[in-house]
Amino acid sequence: QVDVGREEIVLDPRRVDPIPCHTRSTDVRINFAAGGTHYCVD
C-alpha cells in the first residue's frame, strides 16, 4: 500500500500467487532480434 498524499509506503507486502507464464522481457527481445517469436507474447 502507498499513501500517495503523504508519499509514504505502508509496508504490508502481499505476494501474488504464481502465474502460468514465467518469462522475462529480456528473453522476448532476444528472440525477436534473432528473427523469431515468443510463446508468451500476445
All heavy atoms as atom14 arrays in JSON, in Angstrom:
{
  "sequence": "QVDVGREEIVLDPRRVDPIPCHTRSTDVRINFAAGGTHYCVD",
  "atom14_mask": [
    [1, 1, 1, 1, 1, 1, 1, 1, 1, 0, 0, 0, 0, 0],
    [1, 1, 1, 1, 1, 1, 1, 0, 0, 0, 0, 0, 0, 0],
    [1, 1, 1, 1, 1, 1, 1, 1, 0, 0, 0, 0, 0, 0],
    [1, 1, 1, 1, 1, 1, 1, 0, 0, 0, 0, 0, 0, 0],
    [1, 1, 1, 1, 0, 0, 0, 0, 0, 0, 0, 0, 0, 0],
    [1, 1, 1, 1, 1, 1, 1, 1, 1, 1, 1, 0, 0, 0],
    [1, 1, 1, 1, 1, 1, 1, 1, 1, 0, 0, 0, 0, 0],
    [1, 1, 1, 1, 1, 1, 1, 1, 1, 0, 0, 0, 0, 0],
    [1, 1, 1, 1, 1, 1, 1, 1, 0, 0, 0, 0, 0, 0],
    [1, 1, 1, 1, 1, 1, 1, 0, 0, 0, 0, 0, 0, 0],
    [1, 1, 1, 1, 1, 1, 1, 1, 0, 0, 0, 0, 0, 0],
    [1, 1, 1, 1, 1, 1, 1, 1, 0, 0, 0, 0, 0, 0],
    [1, 1, 1, 1, 1, 1, 1, 0, 0, 0, 0, 0, 0, 0],
    [1, 1, 1, 1, 1, 1, 1, 1, 1, 1, 1, 0, 0, 0],
    [1, 1, 1, 1, 1, 1, 1, 1, 1, 1, 1, 0, 0, 0],
    [1, 1, 1, 1, 1, 1, 1, 0, 0, 0, 0, 0, 0, 0],
    [1, 1, 1, 1, 1, 1, 1, 1, 0, 0, 0, 0, 0, 0],
    [1, 1, 1, 1, 1, 1, 1, 0, 0, 0, 0, 0, 0, 0],
    [1, 1, 1, 1, 1, 1, 1, 1, 0, 0, 0, 0, 0, 0],
    [1, 1, 1, 1, 1, 1, 1, 0, 0, 0, 0, 0, 0, 0],
    [1, 1, 1, 1, 1, 1, 0, 0, 0, 0, 0, 0, 0, 0],
    [1, 1, 1, 1, 1, 1, 1, 1, 1, 1, 0, 0, 0, 0],
    [1, 1, 1, 1, 1, 1, 1, 0, 0, 0, 0, 0, 0, 0],
    [1, 1, 1, 1, 1, 1, 1, 1, 1, 1, 1, 0, 0, 0],
    [1, 1, 1, 1, 1, 1, 0, 0, 0, 0, 0, 0, 0, 0],
    [1, 1, 1, 1, 1, 1, 1, 0, 0, 0, 0, 0, 0, 0],
    [1, 1, 1, 1, 1, 1, 1, 1, 0, 0, 0, 0, 0, 0],
    [1, 1, 1, 1, 1, 1, 1, 0, 0, 0, 0, 0, 0, 0],
    [1, 1, 1, 1, 1, 1, 1, 1, 1, 1, 1, 0, 0, 0],
    [1, 1, 1, 1, 1, 1, 1, 1, 0, 0, 0, 0, 0, 0],
    [1, 1, 1, 1, 1, 1, 1, 1, 0, 0, 0, 0, 0, 0],
    [1, 1, 1, 1, 1, 1, 1, 1, 1, 1, 1, 0, 0, 0],
    [1, 1, 1, 1, 1, 0, 0, 0, 0, 0, 0, 0, 0, 0],
    [1, 1, 1, 1, 1, 0, 0, 0, 0, 0, 0, 0, 0, 0],
    [1, 1, 1, 1, 0, 0, 0, 0, 0, 0, 0, 0, 0, 0],
    [1, 1, 1, 1, 0, 0, 0, 0, 0, 0, 0, 0, 0, 0],
    [1, 1, 1, 1, 1, 1, 1, 0, 0, 0, 0, 0, 0, 0],
    [1, 1, 1, 1, 1, 1, 1, 1, 1, 1, 0, 0, 0, 0],
    [1, 1, 1, 1, 1, 1, 1, 1, 1, 1, 1, 1, 0, 0],
    [1, 1, 1, 1, 1, 1, 0, 0, 0, 0, 0, 0, 0, 0],
    [1, 1, 1, 1, 1, 1, 1, 0, 0, 0, 0, 0, 0, 0],
    [1, 1, 1, 1, 1, 1, 1, 1, 0, 0, 0, 0, 0, 0]
  ],
  "atom14_positions": [
    [[0.83, -1.2, 0.0], [0.0, 0.0, 0.0], [0.87, 1.25, 0.0], [1.92, 1.3, 0.63], [-0.9, -0.01, 1.24], [-2.08, 0.96, 1.15], [-3.04, 0.76, 2.31], [-3.43, 1.74, 2.94], [-3.41, -0.46, 2.59], [0.0, 0.0, 0.0], [0.0, 0.0, 0.0], [0.0, 0.0, 0.0], [0.0, 0.0, 0.0], [0.0, 0.0, 0.0]],
    [[0.4, 2.27, -0.73], [1.13, 3.54, -0.82], [0.16, 4.66, -0.46], [-0.9, 4.78, -1.05], [1.68, 3.78, -2.24], [2.45, 5.09, -2.3], [2.53, 2.62, -2.7], [0.0, 0.0, 0.0], [0.0, 0.0, 0.0], [0.0, 0.0, 0.0], [0.0, 0.0, 0.0], [0.0, 0.0, 0.0], [0.0, 0.0, 0.0], [0.0, 0.0, 0.0]],
    [[0.53, 5.47, 0.53], [-0.24, 6.66, 0.87], [0.33, 7.79, 0.03], [1.34, 8.41, 0.38], [-0.11, 6.97, 2.37], [-1.0, 8.12, 2.81], [-1.3, 8.98, 1.96], [-1.4, 8.14, 3.97], [0.0, 0.0, 0.0], [0.0, 0.0, 0.0], [0.0, 0.0, 0.0], [0.0, 0.0, 0.0], [0.0, 0.0, 0.0], [0.0, 0.0, 0.0]],
    [[-0.28, 8.02, -1.13], [0.33, 8.97, -2.07], [0.29, 10.4, -1.56], [1.15, 11.21, -1.88], [-0.33, 8.88, -3.46], [0.02, 7.57, -4.13], [-1.83, 9.05, -3.39], [0.0, 0.0, 0.0], [0.0, 0.0, 0.0], [0.0, 0.0, 0.0], [0.0, 0.0, 0.0], [0.0, 0.0, 0.0], [0.0, 0.0, 0.0], [0.0, 0.0, 0.0]],
    [[-0.73, 10.74, -0.77], [-0.82, 12.09, -0.23], [0.35, 12.43, 0.67], [0.88, 13.53, 0.64], [0.0, 0.0, 0.0], [0.0, 0.0, 0.0], [0.0, 0.0, 0.0], [0.0, 0.0, 0.0], [0.0, 0.0, 0.0], [0.0, 0.0, 0.0], [0.0, 0.0, 0.0], [0.0, 0.0, 0.0], [0.0, 0.0, 0.0], [0.0, 0.0, 0.0]],
    [[0.76, 11.46, 1.48], [1.89, 11.68, 2.39], [3.2, 11.15, 1.82], [4.24, 11.24, 2.47], [1.6, 10.97, 3.72], [0.37, 11.52, 4.44], [0.12, 10.74, 5.71], [-1.09, 11.22, 6.39], [-1.61, 10.63, 7.47], [-1.03, 9.57, 7.98], [-2.7, 11.11, 8.02], [0.0, 0.0, 0.0], [0.0, 0.0, 0.0], [0.0, 0.0, 0.0]],
    [[3.13, 10.56, 0.63], [4.31, 9.99, -0.02], [4.99, 8.98, 0.9], [6.21, 8.99, 1.09], [5.29, 11.09, -0.46], [4.68, 12.07, -1.43], [5.68, 13.05, -2.01], [6.88, 12.77, -1.91], [5.25, 14.07, -2.55], [0.0, 0.0, 0.0], [0.0, 0.0, 0.0], [0.0, 0.0, 0.0], [0.0, 0.0, 0.0], [0.0, 0.0, 0.0]],
    [[4.18, 8.08, 1.44], [4.7, 7.07, 2.35], [4.32, 5.68, 1.86], [3.24, 5.47, 1.32], [4.13, 7.26, 3.77], [4.61, 8.51, 4.48], [3.98, 8.63, 5.87], [3.07, 7.84, 6.17], [4.41, 9.52, 6.63], [0.0, 0.0, 0.0], [0.0, 0.0, 0.0], [0.0, 0.0, 0.0], [0.0, 0.0, 0.0], [0.0, 0.0, 0.0]],
    [[5.21, 4.74, 2.08], [4.92, 3.34, 1.83], [4.34, 2.75, 3.11], [4.93, 2.88, 4.18], [6.2, 2.57, 1.47], [6.89, 3.18, 0.25], [5.88, 1.09, 1.23], [6.12, 3.07, -1.02], [0.0, 0.0, 0.0], [0.0, 0.0, 0.0], [0.0, 0.0, 0.0], [0.0, 0.0, 0.0], [0.0, 0.0, 0.0], [0.0, 0.0, 0.0]],
    [[3.18, 2.14, 3.01], [2.62, 1.4, 4.14], [3.07, -0.03, 3.94], [2.59, -0.73, 3.05], [1.07, 1.5, 4.16], [0.51, 0.73, 5.34], [0.63, 2.94, 4.19], [0.0, 0.0, 0.0], [0.0, 0.0, 0.0], [0.0, 0.0, 0.0], [0.0, 0.0, 0.0], [0.0, 0.0, 0.0], [0.0, 0.0, 0.0], [0.0, 0.0, 0.0]],
    [[4.03, -0.45, 4.73], [4.7, -1.71, 4.47], [3.81, -2.89, 4.88], [3.83, -3.34, 6.02], [6.04, -1.77, 5.19], [6.95, -2.93, 4.79], [7.3, -2.85, 3.31], [8.21, -2.94, 5.62], [0.0, 0.0, 0.0], [0.0, 0.0, 0.0], [0.0, 0.0, 0.0], [0.0, 0.0, 0.0], [0.0, 0.0, 0.0], [0.0, 0.0, 0.0]],
    [[3.01, -3.37, 3.93], [2.22, -4.58, 4.16], [2.31, -5.44, 2.9], [1.31, -5.73, 2.27], [0.76, -4.23, 4.49], [0.06, -3.48, 3.35], [0.77, -2.91, 2.5], [-1.17, -3.49, 3.31], [0.0, 0.0, 0.0], [0.0, 0.0, 0.0], [0.0, 0.0, 0.0], [0.0, 0.0, 0.0], [0.0, 0.0, 0.0], [0.0, 0.0, 0.0]],
    [[3.54, -5.8, 2.53], [3.71, -6.52, 1.26], [2.94, -7.83, 1.23], [2.97, -8.61, 2.19], [5.22, -6.76, 1.18], [5.7, -6.66, 2.58], [4.8, -5.67, 3.26], [0.0, 0.0, 0.0], [0.0, 0.0, 0.0], [0.0, 0.0, 0.0], [0.0, 0.0, 0.0], [0.0, 0.0, 0.0], [0.0, 0.0, 0.0], [0.0, 0.0, 0.0]],
    [[2.24, -8.05, 0.14], [1.5, -9.29, -0.05], [1.93, -9.91, -1.37], [1.89, -9.26, -2.4], [-0.01, -9.0, -0.08], [-0.48, -8.32, 1.19], [-1.97, -8.11, 1.16], [-2.4, -7.32, 2.3], [-3.68, -7.05, 2.58], [-4.63, -7.49, 1.79], [-3.99, -6.32, 3.64], [0.0, 0.0, 0.0], [0.0, 0.0, 0.0], [0.0, 0.0, 0.0]],
    [[2.29, -11.15, -1.3], [2.74, -11.83, -2.51], [1.55, -12.17, -3.41], [0.44, -12.39, -2.95], [3.48, -13.12, -2.16], [4.88, -12.86, -1.64], [5.65, -14.14, -1.47], [7.08, -13.9, -1.43], [7.98, -14.87, -1.55], [7.6, -16.11, -1.73], [9.26, -14.58, -1.5], [0.0, 0.0, 0.0], [0.0, 0.0, 0.0], [0.0, 0.0, 0.0]],
    [[1.85, -12.21, -4.7], [0.85, -12.58, -5.69], [1.04, -14.06, -6.02], [2.17, -14.53, -6.14], [1.0, -11.73, -6.96], [-0.12, -12.05, -7.94], [0.99, -10.25, -6.6], [0.0, 0.0, 0.0], [0.0, 0.0, 0.0], [0.0, 0.0, 0.0], [0.0, 0.0, 0.0], [0.0, 0.0, 0.0], [0.0, 0.0, 0.0], [0.0, 0.0, 0.0]],
    [[-0.07, -14.78, -6.14], [0.01, -16.2, -6.45], [0.78, -16.44, -7.73], [0.82, -15.57, -8.62], [-1.39, -16.8, -6.58], [-2.09, -16.92, -5.23], [-1.4, -16.84, -4.2], [-3.32, -17.09, -5.23], [0.0, 0.0, 0.0], [0.0, 0.0, 0.0], [0.0, 0.0, 0.0], [0.0, 0.0, 0.0], [0.0, 0.0, 0.0], [0.0, 0.0, 0.0]],
    [[1.37, -17.62, -7.88], [2.12, -17.92, -9.11], [1.25, -17.78, -10.36], [0.04, -17.96, -10.31], [2.53, -19.39, -8.91], [2.52, -19.58, -7.42], [1.43, -18.71, -6.9], [0.0, 0.0, 0.0], [0.0, 0.0, 0.0], [0.0, 0.0, 0.0], [0.0, 0.0, 0.0], [0.0, 0.0, 0.0], [0.0, 0.0, 0.0], [0.0, 0.0, 0.0]],
    [[1.9, -17.45, -11.45], [1.2, -17.25, -12.72], [1.69, -18.27, -13.74], [2.78, -18.82, -13.61], [1.42, -15.82, -13.25], [2.93, -15.52, -13.36], [0.73, -14.8, -12.37], [3.25, -14.2, -13.98], [0.0, 0.0, 0.0], [0.0, 0.0, 0.0], [0.0, 0.0, 0.0], [0.0, 0.0, 0.0], [0.0, 0.0, 0.0], [0.0, 0.0, 0.0]],
    [[0.89, -18.53, -14.78], [1.25, -19.61, -15.71], [2.36, -19.26, -16.69], [2.97, -20.14, -17.27], [-0.07, -19.84, -16.47], [-0.79, -18.55, -16.39], [-0.44, -17.98, -15.05], [0.0, 0.0, 0.0], [0.0, 0.0, 0.0], [0.0, 0.0, 0.0], [0.0, 0.0, 0.0], [0.0, 0.0, 0.0], [0.0, 0.0, 0.0], [0.0, 0.0, 0.0]],
    [[2.62, -17.98, -16.91], [3.58, -17.57, -17.93], [4.8, -16.95, -17.25], [4.77, -15.8, -16.85], [2.92, -16.57, -18.88], [3.96, -16.09, -20.26], [0.0, 0.0, 0.0], [0.0, 0.0, 0.0], [0.0, 0.0, 0.0], [0.0, 0.0, 0.0], [0.0, 0.0, 0.0], [0.0, 0.0, 0.0], [0.0, 0.0, 0.0], [0.0, 0.0, 0.0]],
    [[5.83, -17.73, -17.1], [7.01, -17.27, -16.38], [8.14, -17.0, -17.39], [8.75, -17.92, -17.92], [7.46, -18.31, -15.36], [8.59, -17.84, -14.49], [8.42, -16.93, -13.48], [9.92, -18.14, -14.5], [9.58, -16.69, -12.88], [10.5, -17.41, -13.49], [0.0, 0.0, 0.0], [0.0, 0.0, 0.0], [0.0, 0.0, 0.0], [0.0, 0.0, 0.0]],
    [[8.38, -15.74, -17.68], [9.42, -15.39, -18.63], [9.95, -14.0, -18.29], [9.52, -13.4, -17.3], [8.88, -15.43, -20.08], [9.99, -15.3, -20.99], [7.89, -14.3, -20.34], [0.0, 0.0, 0.0], [0.0, 0.0, 0.0], [0.0, 0.0, 0.0], [0.0, 0.0, 0.0], [0.0, 0.0, 0.0], [0.0, 0.0, 0.0], [0.0, 0.0, 0.0]],
    [[10.86, -13.52, -19.09], [11.42, -12.18, -18.89], [11.35, -11.42, -20.2], [11.44, -12.01, -21.29], [12.89, -12.27, -18.46], [13.15, -13.05, -17.2], [14.65, -13.13, -16.94], [15.36, -13.69, -18.09], [16.66, -13.53, -18.32], [17.39, -12.81, -17.48], [17.24, -14.08, -19.37], [0.0, 0.0, 0.0], [0.0, 0.0, 0.0], [0.0, 0.0, 0.0]],
    [[11.22, -10.1, -20.11], [11.23, -9.28, -21.32], [12.54, -9.43, -22.07], [12.58, -9.34, -23.3], [10.98, -7.81, -20.96], [9.67, -7.62, -20.49], [0.0, 0.0, 0.0], [0.0, 0.0, 0.0], [0.0, 0.0, 0.0], [0.0, 0.0, 0.0], [0.0, 0.0, 0.0], [0.0, 0.0, 0.0], [0.0, 0.0, 0.0], [0.0, 0.0, 0.0]],
    [[13.63, -9.68, -21.35], [14.92, -9.88, -21.99], [14.85, -11.04, -22.97], [15.36, -10.96, -24.11], [16.02, -10.15, -20.94], [16.11, -9.04, -20.06], [17.37, -10.4, -21.61], [0.0, 0.0, 0.0], [0.0, 0.0, 0.0], [0.0, 0.0, 0.0], [0.0, 0.0, 0.0], [0.0, 0.0, 0.0], [0.0, 0.0, 0.0], [0.0, 0.0, 0.0]],
    [[14.22, -12.16, -22.56], [14.1, -13.32, -23.44], [13.29, -12.97, -24.69], [13.62, -13.4, -25.8], [13.42, -14.47, -22.7], [14.2, -14.93, -21.5], [15.42, -14.75, -21.47], [13.58, -15.48, -20.56], [0.0, 0.0, 0.0], [0.0, 0.0, 0.0], [0.0, 0.0, 0.0], [0.0, 0.0, 0.0], [0.0, 0.0, 0.0], [0.0, 0.0, 0.0]],
    [[12.24, -12.18, -24.49], [11.4, -11.78, -25.62], [12.22, -10.96, -26.63], [12.18, -11.2, -27.84], [10.18, -10.97, -25.13], [9.38, -10.44, -26.32], [9.3, -11.82, -24.23], [0.0, 0.0, 0.0], [0.0, 0.0, 0.0], [0.0, 0.0, 0.0], [0.0, 0.0, 0.0], [0.0, 0.0, 0.0], [0.0, 0.0, 0.0], [0.0, 0.0, 0.0]],
    [[12.98, -9.99, -26.13], [13.78, -9.15, -27.03], [14.81, -9.97, -27.8], [15.02, -9.77, -28.99], [14.49, -8.04, -26.24], [13.55, -7.05, -25.59], [14.29, -5.82, -25.1], [15.31, -6.1, -24.12], [15.1, -6.21, -22.8], [13.88, -6.07, -22.31], [16.11, -6.44, -21.97], [0.0, 0.0, 0.0], [0.0, 0.0, 0.0], [0.0, 0.0, 0.0]],
    [[15.46, -10.89, -27.11], [16.47, -11.72, -27.76], [15.84, -12.54, -28.88], [16.38, -12.62, -29.99], [17.15, -12.64, -26.72], [18.08, -11.83, -25.82], [17.93, -13.75, -27.42], [18.68, -12.62, -24.68], [0.0, 0.0, 0.0], [0.0, 0.0, 0.0], [0.0, 0.0, 0.0], [0.0, 0.0, 0.0], [0.0, 0.0, 0.0], [0.0, 0.0, 0.0]],
    [[14.69, -13.13, -28.62], [14.06, -13.97, -29.63], [13.63, -13.16, -30.86], [13.82, -13.59, -32.0], [12.86, -14.7, -29.03], [13.28, -15.86, -28.13], [14.45, -16.22, -28.07], [12.33, -16.43, -27.43], [0.0, 0.0, 0.0], [0.0, 0.0, 0.0], [0.0, 0.0, 0.0], [0.0, 0.0, 0.0], [0.0, 0.0, 0.0], [0.0, 0.0, 0.0]],
    [[13.03, -11.99, -30.62], [12.59, -11.19, -31.76], [13.77, -10.61, -32.53], [13.72, -10.5, -33.75], [11.63, -10.08, -31.3], [10.21, -10.56, -31.16], [9.73, -10.98, -29.94], [9.36, -10.61, -32.25], [8.44, -11.44, -29.79], [8.06, -11.07, -32.12], [7.59, -11.49, -30.9], [0.0, 0.0, 0.0], [0.0, 0.0, 0.0], [0.0, 0.0, 0.0]],
    [[14.82, -10.23, -31.83], [16.0, -9.71, -32.5], [16.66, -10.77, -33.37], [17.31, -10.46, -34.36], [17.0, -9.17, -31.48], [0.0, 0.0, 0.0], [0.0, 0.0, 0.0], [0.0, 0.0, 0.0], [0.0, 0.0, 0.0], [0.0, 0.0, 0.0], [0.0, 0.0, 0.0], [0.0, 0.0, 0.0], [0.0, 0.0, 0.0], [0.0, 0.0, 0.0]],
    [[16.46, -12.04, -32.98], [17.02, -13.16, -33.76], [16.1, -13.58, -34.9], [16.37, -14.55, -35.59], [17.27, -14.34, -32.83], [0.0, 0.0, 0.0], [0.0, 0.0, 0.0], [0.0, 0.0, 0.0], [0.0, 0.0, 0.0], [0.0, 0.0, 0.0], [0.0, 0.0, 0.0], [0.0, 0.0, 0.0], [0.0, 0.0, 0.0], [0.0, 0.0, 0.0]],
    [[14.98, -12.85, -35.06], [14.06, -13.17, -36.14], [13.0, -14.17, -35.76], [12.26, -14.66, -36.62], [0.0, 0.0, 0.0], [0.0, 0.0, 0.0], [0.0, 0.0, 0.0], [0.0, 0.0, 0.0], [0.0, 0.0, 0.0], [0.0, 0.0, 0.0], [0.0, 0.0, 0.0], [0.0, 0.0, 0.0], [0.0, 0.0, 0.0], [0.0, 0.0, 0.0]],
    [[12.89, -14.47, -34.46], [11.91, -15.45, -34.01], [10.69, -14.79, -33.41], [10.32, -13.66, -33.74], [0.0, 0.0, 0.0], [0.0, 0.0, 0.0], [0.0, 0.0, 0.0], [0.0, 0.0, 0.0], [0.0, 0.0, 0.0], [0.0, 0.0, 0.0], [0.0, 0.0, 0.0], [0.0, 0.0, 0.0], [0.0, 0.0, 0.0], [0.0, 0.0, 0.0]],
    [[10.08, -15.52, -32.5], [8.92, -15.0, -31.78], [9.02, -15.52, -30.35], [10.08, -15.98, -29.93], [7.6, -15.43, -32.45], [6.5, -14.8, -31.78], [7.42, -16.94, -32.43], [0.0, 0.0, 0.0], [0.0, 0.0, 0.0], [0.0, 0.0, 0.0], [0.0, 0.0, 0.0], [0.0, 0.0, 0.0], [0.0, 0.0, 0.0], [0.0, 0.0, 0.0]],
    [[7.95, -15.45, -29.58], [7.98, -15.93, -28.21], [6.58, -16.36, -27.81], [5.61, -15.64, -28.07], [8.49, -14.85, -27.25], [8.91, -15.39, -25.92], [7.98, -15.76, -24.96], [10.14, -15.64, -25.38], [8.64, -16.19, -23.87], [9.94, -16.14, -24.12], [0.0, 0.0, 0.0], [0.0, 0.0, 0.0], [0.0, 0.0, 0.0], [0.0, 0.0, 0.0]],
    [[6.48, -17.53, -27.19], [5.17, -18.1, -26.88], [4.38, -17.26, -25.9], [3.15, -17.36, -25.84], [5.36, -19.51, -26.3], [5.82, -19.54, -24.86], [4.92, -19.72, -23.81], [7.17, -19.37, -24.53], [5.34, -19.73, -22.49], [7.59, -19.38, -23.22], [6.67, -19.57, -22.21], [7.1, -19.58, -20.89], [0.0, 0.0, 0.0], [0.0, 0.0, 0.0]],
    [[5.03, -16.42, -25.13], [4.35, -15.68, -24.06], [4.04, -14.24, -24.46], [3.91, -13.38, -23.6], [5.2, -15.72, -22.79], [4.25, -15.5, -21.27], [0.0, 0.0, 0.0], [0.0, 0.0, 0.0], [0.0, 0.0, 0.0], [0.0, 0.0, 0.0], [0.0, 0.0, 0.0], [0.0, 0.0, 0.0], [0.0, 0.0, 0.0], [0.0, 0.0, 0.0]],
    [[3.96, -13.98, -25.75], [3.67, -12.63, -26.25], [2.35, -12.67, -27.0], [2.13, -13.54, -27.85], [4.79, -12.11, -27.16], [4.41, -10.78, -27.8], [6.07, -11.94, -26.36], [0.0, 0.0, 0.0], [0.0, 0.0, 0.0], [0.0, 0.0, 0.0], [0.0, 0.0, 0.0], [0.0, 0.0, 0.0], [0.0, 0.0, 0.0], [0.0, 0.0, 0.0]],
    [[1.46, -11.73, -26.69], [0.19, -11.62, -27.39], [0.45, -11.5, -28.9], [1.33, -10.75, -29.32], [-0.55, -10.38, -26.87], [-1.94, -10.24, -27.46], [-2.04, -9.91, -28.66], [-2.92, -10.41, -26.72], [0.0, 0.0, 0.0], [0.0, 0.0, 0.0], [0.0, 0.0, 0.0], [0.0, 0.0, 0.0], [0.0, 0.0, 0.0], [0.0, 0.0, 0.0]]
  ]
}
